[in-house]
């Protein structure tokens, strides 16, 4: 049991760093700086609008429960157009990710405390920023990461993924649980004489199991609102 608890602690300590990379393999929208709508009715209604914003207009014209949730997430993250506000709330900028054919993700800005705190739709664990020619960072989307402890048995792909409204998370838990063996090849047992299990990723799978979901709330994605890569996002000016 102590072995299992130690594995949990190590898992929690490393998940925040490793999960970000394991996932990041590799509607046109007006590019004006967003300005807040002053309609209190829109805010109280949960349909948060920005001026000259095609995504907001789409959400307003299609008021489904899912789109209302997206509007509320936008409302909760609009302050992060100011990257200093993101830093003040615990987000930290990391490398810029781009795929040569699928498009970019931009810079990830994870908040490790939120990664480990549990899923909250209004508190995304990662913010996505596109570097601009003038050196500024443009908020283009958010990402949710849900670590999944490997302390269970069976085929992880048999489990139902978490949901953002009615959209399932992408499954990055490929692999299975296998017994830990000692130097002589015998299963290591816990204090209850049960085999100690560990997660073994399939070839090409992540080293640590998790679920993730990208949501392109601030820059439209022709590949889909929830597709990991956005052809409209580039790392061209990363490091400028």
Protein backbone atom coordinates (compact mmCIF):
# COMPACT_ATOMS: atom_id res chain seq x y z
CA UNK A 1 0.00 0.00 0.00
CA UNK A 2 2.89 2.35 0.83
CA UNK A 3 4.28 1.59 -2.62
CA UNK A 4 0.94 2.57 -4.17
CA UNK A 5 0.78 5.81 -2.15
CA UNK A 6 4.32 6.73 -3.17
CA UNK A 7 3.41 6.11 -6.80
CA UNK A 8 0.44 8.43 -6.40
CA UNK A 9 2.61 11.21 -4.99
CA UNK A 10 5.17 10.86 -7.78
CA UNK A 11 2.38 10.76 -10.32
CA UNK A 12 0.86 13.97 -8.97
CA UNK A 13 4.22 15.73 -8.93
CA UNK A 14 5.13 14.88 -12.50
CA UNK A 15 1.77 14.91 -14.22
CA UNK A 16 1.58 18.68 -14.49
CA UNK A 17 4.75 18.86 -16.56
CA UNK A 18 4.57 15.68 -18.59
CA UNK A 19 0.96 15.70 -19.62
CA UNK A 20 1.29 19.00 -21.39
CA UNK A 21 3.88 17.64 -23.81
CA UNK A 22 2.45 14.16 -24.26
CA UNK A 23 -0.66 15.65 -25.79
CA UNK A 24 1.07 18.30 -27.86
CA UNK A 25 2.45 16.33 -30.77
CA UNK A 26 2.49 17.75 -33.14
CA UNK A 27 -14.68 30.39 -39.46
CA UNK A 28 -12.28 33.29 -39.93
CA UNK A 29 -12.44 35.82 -37.09
CA UNK A 30 -11.83 39.56 -36.92
CA UNK A 31 -8.36 40.21 -35.48
CA UNK A 32 -9.21 43.50 -33.72
CA UNK A 33 -8.44 43.73 -30.03
CA UNK A 34 -11.60 42.68 -28.18
CA UNK A 35 -13.67 45.30 -26.40
CA UNK A 36 -16.31 44.35 -23.89
CA UNK A 37 -19.97 44.57 -24.74
CA UNK A 38 -21.73 46.82 -22.27
CA UNK A 39 -25.01 44.93 -22.29
CA UNK A 40 -25.78 43.81 -18.74
CA UNK A 41 -28.57 41.62 -20.15
CA UNK A 42 -26.05 39.64 -22.17
CA UNK A 43 -23.80 39.17 -19.16
CA UNK A 44 -26.60 38.11 -16.82
CA UNK A 45 -27.91 35.80 -19.52
CA UNK A 46 -24.57 34.01 -19.67
CA UNK A 47 -24.14 34.93 -23.34
CA UNK A 48 -20.98 37.01 -23.17
CA UNK A 49 -20.32 39.02 -26.33
CA UNK A 50 -17.36 40.91 -27.67
CA UNK A 51 -17.70 43.53 -30.37
CA UNK A 52 -16.61 42.51 -33.89
CA UNK A 53 -16.33 38.91 -32.77
CA UNK A 54 -17.69 36.16 -35.03
CA UNK A 55 -17.44 33.44 -32.39
CA UNK A 56 -19.52 35.49 -29.96
CA UNK A 57 -22.04 36.22 -32.70
CA UNK A 58 -22.33 32.51 -33.47
CA UNK A 59 -22.91 31.72 -29.79
CA UNK A 60 -25.54 34.44 -29.57
CA UNK A 61 -27.40 33.23 -32.65
CA UNK A 62 -27.29 29.58 -31.59
CA UNK A 63 -28.25 29.59 -27.88
CA UNK A 64 -27.97 25.89 -27.14
CA UNK A 65 -26.96 24.67 -23.69
CA UNK A 66 -23.52 23.80 -25.05
CA UNK A 67 -23.03 27.25 -26.56
CA UNK A 68 -24.19 28.91 -23.35
CA UNK A 69 -21.51 26.95 -21.53
CA UNK A 70 -18.91 28.14 -24.04
CA UNK A 71 -20.10 31.72 -23.57
CA UNK A 72 -19.72 31.36 -19.81
CA UNK A 73 -16.18 30.03 -20.23
CA UNK A 74 -15.39 33.03 -22.40
CA UNK A 75 -16.78 35.30 -19.72
CA UNK A 76 -14.60 33.59 -17.10
CA UNK A 77 -11.43 33.90 -19.20
CA UNK A 78 -11.82 37.26 -20.94
CA UNK A 79 -9.48 38.91 -18.42
CA UNK A 80 -6.68 36.67 -19.63
CA UNK A 81 -6.38 38.65 -22.85
CA UNK A 82 -4.05 40.53 -20.53
CA UNK A 83 -1.28 37.99 -20.01
CA UNK A 84 -0.17 39.72 -16.82
CA UNK A 85 -3.55 38.82 -15.33
CA UNK A 86 -2.92 35.17 -16.25
CA UNK A 87 0.48 35.24 -14.55
CA UNK A 88 -1.05 36.81 -11.46
CA UNK A 89 -3.52 33.92 -11.29
CA UNK A 90 -0.82 31.25 -11.50
CA UNK A 91 -0.49 30.51 -15.24
CA UNK A 92 3.04 30.10 -16.59
CA UNK A 93 4.04 30.45 -20.24
CA UNK A 94 5.64 27.46 -21.93
CA UNK A 95 6.85 26.54 -25.42
CA UNK A 96 4.89 27.15 -28.64
CA UNK A 97 3.47 24.06 -30.37
CA UNK A 98 2.82 23.77 -34.09
CA UNK A 99 2.23 20.85 -36.46
CA UNK A 100 3.52 21.23 -40.05
CA UNK A 101 0.21 20.10 -41.56
CA UNK A 102 -2.52 20.44 -38.93
CA UNK A 103 -1.77 23.93 -37.64
CA UNK A 104 -0.74 25.28 -34.26
CA UNK A 105 -1.72 25.25 -30.63
CA UNK A 106 0.34 28.27 -29.71
CA UNK A 107 2.06 28.73 -26.38
CA UNK A 108 0.67 26.67 -23.55
CA UNK A 109 0.28 28.50 -20.26
CA UNK A 110 -0.54 25.81 -17.69
CA UNK A 111 -1.70 26.42 -14.17
CA UNK A 112 -0.40 23.37 -12.30
CA UNK A 113 -2.57 24.01 -9.26
CA UNK A 114 -5.68 23.86 -11.46
CA UNK A 115 -4.44 20.71 -13.20
CA UNK A 116 -4.38 18.94 -9.86
CA UNK A 117 -7.42 20.65 -8.32
CA UNK A 118 -10.00 18.83 -10.42
CA UNK A 119 -12.14 19.70 -13.41
CA UNK A 120 -13.92 23.06 -13.35
CA UNK A 121 -15.28 24.25 -16.75
CA UNK A 122 -14.92 27.88 -15.67
CA UNK A 123 -11.30 27.43 -14.58
CA UNK A 124 -9.40 25.86 -17.51
CA UNK A 125 -6.08 24.39 -16.50
CA UNK A 126 -4.23 25.69 -19.58
CA UNK A 127 -4.52 28.91 -21.59
CA UNK A 128 -3.42 29.01 -25.24
CA UNK A 129 -1.63 32.07 -26.61
CA UNK A 130 -0.51 32.86 -30.15
CA UNK A 131 2.67 34.96 -30.41
CA UNK A 132 2.19 38.16 -32.42
CA UNK A 133 4.62 40.02 -34.67
CA UNK A 134 4.76 42.90 -32.18
CA UNK A 135 5.85 40.52 -29.42
CA UNK A 136 2.49 40.43 -27.66
CA UNK A 137 0.56 37.29 -26.81
CA UNK A 138 -2.98 36.81 -28.13
CA UNK A 139 -5.33 34.56 -26.18
CA UNK A 140 -6.76 32.09 -28.71
CA UNK A 141 -8.18 29.22 -26.67
CA UNK A 142 -8.13 27.11 -23.55
CA UNK A 143 -7.28 23.52 -22.74
CA UNK A 144 -8.51 21.21 -20.02
CA UNK A 145 -6.29 18.43 -18.67
CA UNK A 146 -7.62 15.82 -16.29
CA UNK A 147 -4.94 13.53 -14.83
CA UNK A 148 -6.16 10.02 -14.21
CA UNK A 149 -4.47 8.08 -11.46
CA UNK A 150 -3.16 4.74 -12.63
CA UNK A 151 -4.37 3.03 -9.46
CA UNK A 152 -6.98 0.86 -11.08
CA UNK A 153 -7.13 -2.39 -13.00
CA UNK A 154 -8.29 -3.25 -16.48
CA UNK A 155 -8.16 -1.71 -19.92
CA UNK A 156 -8.19 2.06 -19.51
CA UNK A 157 -9.82 2.59 -22.89
CA UNK A 158 -12.95 0.87 -21.59
CA UNK A 159 -13.65 3.80 -19.27
CA UNK A 160 -16.01 6.62 -20.26
CA UNK A 161 -14.25 9.95 -20.75
CA UNK A 162 -15.23 13.10 -18.85
CA UNK A 163 -17.39 15.63 -20.70
CA UNK A 164 -17.40 19.36 -21.29
CA UNK A 165 -21.15 19.76 -21.56
CA UNK A 166 -22.02 17.22 -24.24
CA UNK A 167 -18.50 16.99 -25.73
CA UNK A 168 -16.26 14.10 -24.59
CA UNK A 169 -12.62 14.69 -23.75
CA UNK A 170 -9.88 13.23 -25.95
CA UNK A 171 -8.61 9.99 -24.45
CA UNK A 172 -4.87 9.92 -23.78
CA UNK A 173 -4.91 6.87 -21.55
CA UNK A 174 -3.82 4.25 -24.06
CA UNK A 175 -2.34 1.25 -22.33
CA UNK A 176 -3.15 -1.12 -19.50
CA UNK A 177 -2.31 -1.91 -15.92
CA UNK A 178 0.37 -4.54 -15.36
CA UNK A 179 1.85 -5.98 -12.14
CA UNK A 180 5.14 -4.62 -10.83
CA UNK A 181 7.78 -7.37 -10.78
CA UNK A 182 10.75 -7.73 -8.46
CA UNK A 183 14.31 -8.52 -9.56
CA UNK A 184 13.46 -12.24 -9.79
CA UNK A 185 10.38 -11.67 -11.91
CA UNK A 186 7.79 -12.23 -9.17
CA UNK A 187 4.88 -9.80 -8.57
CA UNK A 188 5.46 -7.23 -5.84
CA UNK A 189 2.71 -7.48 -3.23
CA UNK A 190 1.25 -4.78 -1.00
CA UNK A 191 0.43 -5.20 2.68
CA UNK A 192 -2.80 -6.96 1.73
CA UNK A 193 -0.90 -9.46 -0.45
CA UNK A 194 -2.39 -7.89 -3.57
CA UNK A 195 -0.17 -7.27 -6.64
CA UNK A 196 1.10 -3.70 -6.98
CA UNK A 197 -0.01 -2.44 -10.38
CA UNK A 198 1.42 0.22 -12.67
CA UNK A 199 0.30 1.82 -15.91
CA UNK A 200 2.04 0.57 -19.05
CA UNK A 201 1.48 2.80 -22.09
CA UNK A 202 1.06 1.28 -25.49
CA UNK A 203 3.68 2.15 -28.07
CA UNK A 204 3.10 5.75 -29.09
CA UNK A 205 0.91 6.42 -26.09
CA UNK A 206 1.56 8.94 -23.33
CA UNK A 207 3.82 8.07 -20.45
CA UNK A 208 1.13 9.18 -18.02
CA UNK A 209 -2.59 8.60 -18.61
CA UNK A 210 -4.93 11.57 -18.83
CA UNK A 211 -7.82 13.17 -20.67
CA UNK A 212 -7.56 16.49 -22.48
CA UNK A 213 -9.72 18.88 -24.50
CA UNK A 214 -8.78 21.97 -26.50
CA UNK A 215 -11.47 24.63 -26.96
CA UNK A 216 -10.90 27.42 -29.49
CA UNK A 217 -13.00 30.12 -27.88
CA UNK A 218 -10.99 33.14 -28.96
CA UNK A 219 -9.81 32.29 -32.49
CA UNK A 220 -12.03 30.33 -34.82
CA UNK A 221 -10.78 26.91 -35.89
CA UNK A 222 -11.87 25.65 -39.33
CA UNK A 223 -11.02 22.13 -38.15
CA UNK A 224 -13.59 22.39 -35.37
CA UNK A 225 -14.07 24.07 -32.01
CA UNK A 226 -12.55 21.09 -30.16
CA UNK A 227 -9.90 19.85 -32.60
CA UNK A 228 -6.44 19.94 -30.98
CA UNK A 229 -4.70 21.94 -33.75
CA UNK A 230 -5.87 25.17 -35.32
CA UNK A 231 -4.75 26.01 -38.89
CA UNK A 232 -5.31 29.70 -38.07
CA UNK A 233 -2.72 29.61 -35.26
CA UNK A 234 1.01 29.93 -35.91
CA UNK A 235 4.26 29.90 -33.93
CA UNK A 236 5.94 32.08 -36.58
CA UNK A 237 6.69 34.86 -34.12
CA UNK A 238 7.55 32.73 -31.10
CA UNK A 239 10.64 34.15 -29.42
CA UNK A 240 10.27 37.60 -31.02
